[in-house]
Amino acid sequence: MRIGDLAEKSGLSTDTLRYYEKIGLLPKPLRDAGGRRIYDQTILRWIDFLDRLKATGMGIKDRLRYADLRTKGGASLTERREMLEVHRVKVREDISRLAEMLSVLDEKIDLYRRMEAGEPVDPAFDNCARTEHGAQPGLKGQTHEPSTQAGTRADAKP
């Protein structure tokens, strides 16, 4: 297939495909008699894999390293596996952190829905909702600033 066909099927622009080829993410394609790029169908799987690595947060430097290792064939299997194992640990940590943050968002959304519906909520949560952007409970429009007067801060010396 030609570069325009590959762009359409992969969802990448022809400029991006040329750039990926230039930096080494994509292998150099065969050329027809007119010098136009000719790609094999298998390139679509490689582009899809690169896209998945990018989506999981693998940086361009590591994707380039992986692409370079791939050109070495079977001699680099262990290195590629180890690289993916290290990245997998990072992805699991990211998923865990995102799941925790999703839980926080869900709780906050639920709190707001209950407050909007006029349901009673724990006063601590009510105060939290009012102060999350710096407003002190009961002082609309004012922000809470720690006192700087001597003797009023825990770390102030008597």
Protein backbone atom coordinates (compact mmCIF):
# COMPACT_ATOMS: atom_id res chain seq x y z
CA MET A 1 0.00 0.00 0.00
CA ARG A 2 1.12 3.57 -0.56
CA ILE A 3 1.64 6.17 2.13
CA GLY A 4 -1.79 7.74 1.60
CA ASP A 5 -3.47 4.36 2.08
CA LEU A 6 -1.39 3.73 5.19
CA ALA A 7 -2.31 7.15 6.56
CA GLU A 8 -6.00 6.42 6.04
CA LYS A 9 -5.84 2.97 7.61
CA SER A 10 -3.60 3.94 10.53
CA GLY A 11 -5.19 7.27 11.34
CA LEU A 12 -1.81 9.00 11.16
CA SER A 13 -1.05 11.78 8.72
CA THR A 14 1.41 11.24 5.88
CA ASP A 15 3.67 13.84 7.55
CA THR A 16 3.64 11.83 10.78
CA LEU A 17 4.41 8.61 8.91
CA ARG A 18 7.34 10.26 7.14
CA TYR A 19 8.56 11.69 10.46
CA TYR A 20 8.30 8.29 12.18
CA GLU A 21 10.29 6.78 9.32
CA LYS A 22 12.91 9.55 9.56
CA ILE A 23 13.49 9.10 13.30
CA GLY A 24 13.47 5.30 13.12
CA LEU A 25 10.09 4.36 14.62
CA LEU A 26 9.02 2.92 11.29
CA PRO A 27 11.29 0.82 9.14
CA LYS A 28 12.31 2.18 5.75
CA PRO A 29 9.70 0.99 3.26
CA LEU A 30 10.32 -0.50 -0.11
CA ARG A 31 10.03 1.89 -3.04
CA ASP A 32 8.38 1.37 -6.39
CA ALA A 33 10.01 2.25 -9.72
CA GLY A 34 8.87 5.86 -9.27
CA GLY A 35 10.44 6.11 -5.80
CA ARG A 36 7.09 6.06 -3.96
CA ARG A 37 6.89 4.27 -0.65
CA ILE A 38 5.26 0.83 -0.65
CA TYR A 39 4.21 -0.63 2.69
CA ASP A 40 3.33 -4.18 3.61
CA GLN A 41 0.11 -4.85 5.55
CA THR A 42 2.15 -5.89 8.60
CA ILE A 43 3.17 -2.27 9.20
CA LEU A 44 -0.36 -1.63 10.48
CA ARG A 45 0.20 -4.01 13.41
CA TRP A 46 3.49 -2.28 14.24
CA ILE A 47 1.87 1.18 14.12
CA ASP A 48 -0.97 -0.08 16.32
CA PHE A 49 1.55 -1.43 18.85
CA LEU A 50 3.49 1.85 18.84
CA ASP A 51 0.22 3.71 19.42
CA ARG A 52 -0.59 1.46 22.37
CA LEU A 53 2.84 2.02 23.88
CA LYS A 54 2.32 5.77 23.53
CA ALA A 55 -1.16 5.52 25.07
CA THR A 56 0.30 3.73 28.10
CA GLY A 57 2.73 6.59 28.65
CA MET A 58 5.87 5.20 27.06
CA GLY A 59 7.96 8.13 25.94
CA ILE A 60 9.35 8.60 22.47
CA LYS A 61 12.89 7.80 23.63
CA ASP A 62 11.84 4.35 24.88
CA ARG A 63 9.70 3.70 21.81
CA LEU A 64 12.71 4.52 19.65
CA ARG A 65 14.86 2.18 21.71
CA TYR A 66 12.26 -0.56 21.38
CA ALA A 67 12.02 0.01 17.60
CA ASP A 68 15.81 -0.21 17.32
CA LEU A 69 15.85 -3.44 19.33
CA ARG A 70 13.11 -4.82 17.07
CA THR A 71 15.37 -4.38 14.03
CA LYS A 72 17.83 -6.79 15.65
CA GLY A 73 15.31 -9.63 15.51
CA GLY A 74 15.60 -12.61 17.81
CA ALA A 75 18.90 -11.38 19.24
CA SER A 76 17.01 -8.70 21.16
CA LEU A 77 14.05 -10.72 22.45
CA THR A 78 15.24 -10.70 26.05
CA GLU A 79 15.93 -6.97 26.04
CA ARG A 80 12.53 -6.22 24.52
CA ARG A 81 10.75 -8.45 27.02
CA GLU A 82 12.61 -6.85 29.93
CA MET A 83 11.82 -3.40 28.61
CA LEU A 84 8.12 -4.25 28.38
CA GLU A 85 8.17 -5.77 31.87
CA VAL A 86 9.60 -2.54 33.34
CA HIS A 87 7.01 -0.52 31.44
CA ARG A 88 4.26 -2.86 32.62
CA VAL A 89 5.13 -2.07 36.26
CA LYS A 90 4.79 1.65 35.51
CA VAL A 91 1.45 1.08 33.75
CA ARG A 92 0.13 -0.90 36.74
CA GLU A 93 1.21 1.89 39.09
CA ASP A 94 -0.48 4.46 36.83
CA ILE A 95 -3.67 2.41 36.77
CA SER A 96 -3.65 2.12 40.56
CA ARG A 97 -3.11 5.86 40.99
CA LEU A 98 -5.84 6.66 38.45
CA ALA A 99 -8.27 4.23 40.11
CA GLU A 100 -7.66 5.99 43.42
CA MET A 101 -8.25 9.37 41.82
CA LEU A 102 -11.41 8.08 40.13
CA SER A 103 -12.70 7.06 43.54
CA VAL A 104 -12.01 10.56 44.89
CA LEU A 105 -13.84 12.11 41.94
CA ASP A 106 -16.79 9.75 42.38
CA GLU A 107 -17.07 10.64 46.06
CA LYS A 108 -16.92 14.37 45.32
CA ILE A 109 -19.54 14.07 42.55
CA ASP A 110 -21.81 12.10 44.87
CA LEU A 111 -21.38 14.73 47.60
CA TYR A 112 -22.34 17.53 45.20
CA ARG A 113 -25.39 15.61 43.96
CA ARG A 114 -26.57 15.10 47.52
CA MET A 115 -25.98 18.74 48.37
CA GLU A 116 -27.80 19.88 45.22
CA ALA A 117 -30.74 17.65 46.15
CA GLY A 118 -30.86 19.27 49.58
CA GLU A 119 -29.99 16.04 51.36
CA PRO A 120 -28.28 16.38 54.71
CA VAL A 121 -24.57 15.72 54.52
CA ASP A 122 -21.95 15.31 57.20
CA PRO A 123 -20.95 18.87 58.23
CA ALA A 124 -17.31 17.98 57.74
CA PHE A 125 -18.03 17.21 54.09
CA ASP A 126 -20.14 20.35 53.77
CA ASN A 127 -17.25 22.44 55.09
CA CYS A 128 -14.84 20.61 52.81
CA ALA A 129 -16.99 21.42 49.78
CA ARG A 130 -17.00 25.09 50.73
CA THR A 131 -13.31 25.33 51.49
CA GLU A 132 -11.80 23.31 48.66
CA HIS A 133 -11.10 26.47 46.68
CA GLY A 134 -9.76 28.44 49.64
CA ALA A 135 -12.96 29.97 51.05
CA GLN A 136 -13.30 29.68 54.80
CA PRO A 137 -16.65 28.33 56.09
CA GLY A 138 -18.98 31.20 56.94
CA LEU A 139 -16.79 33.83 55.25
CA LYS A 140 -18.03 34.04 51.67
CA GLY A 141 -15.56 35.53 49.24
CA GLN A 142 -12.70 35.51 51.74
CA THR A 143 -9.84 33.11 51.59
CA HIS A 144 -8.27 31.35 54.52
CA GLU A 145 -4.73 32.49 55.17
CA PRO A 146 -2.68 31.17 58.09
CA SER A 147 -2.05 33.81 60.72
CA THR A 148 1.42 35.24 60.78
CA GLN A 149 1.14 36.94 64.16
CA ALA A 150 3.65 35.72 66.73
CA GLY A 151 2.23 33.14 69.08
CA THR A 152 -0.65 32.11 66.80
CA ARG A 153 1.22 29.66 64.64
CA ALA A 154 2.32 26.27 65.88
CA ASP A 155 5.88 26.88 64.75
CA ALA A 156 6.10 30.41 66.23
CA LYS A 157 8.41 30.88 69.19
CA PRO A 158 6.89 32.37 72.40
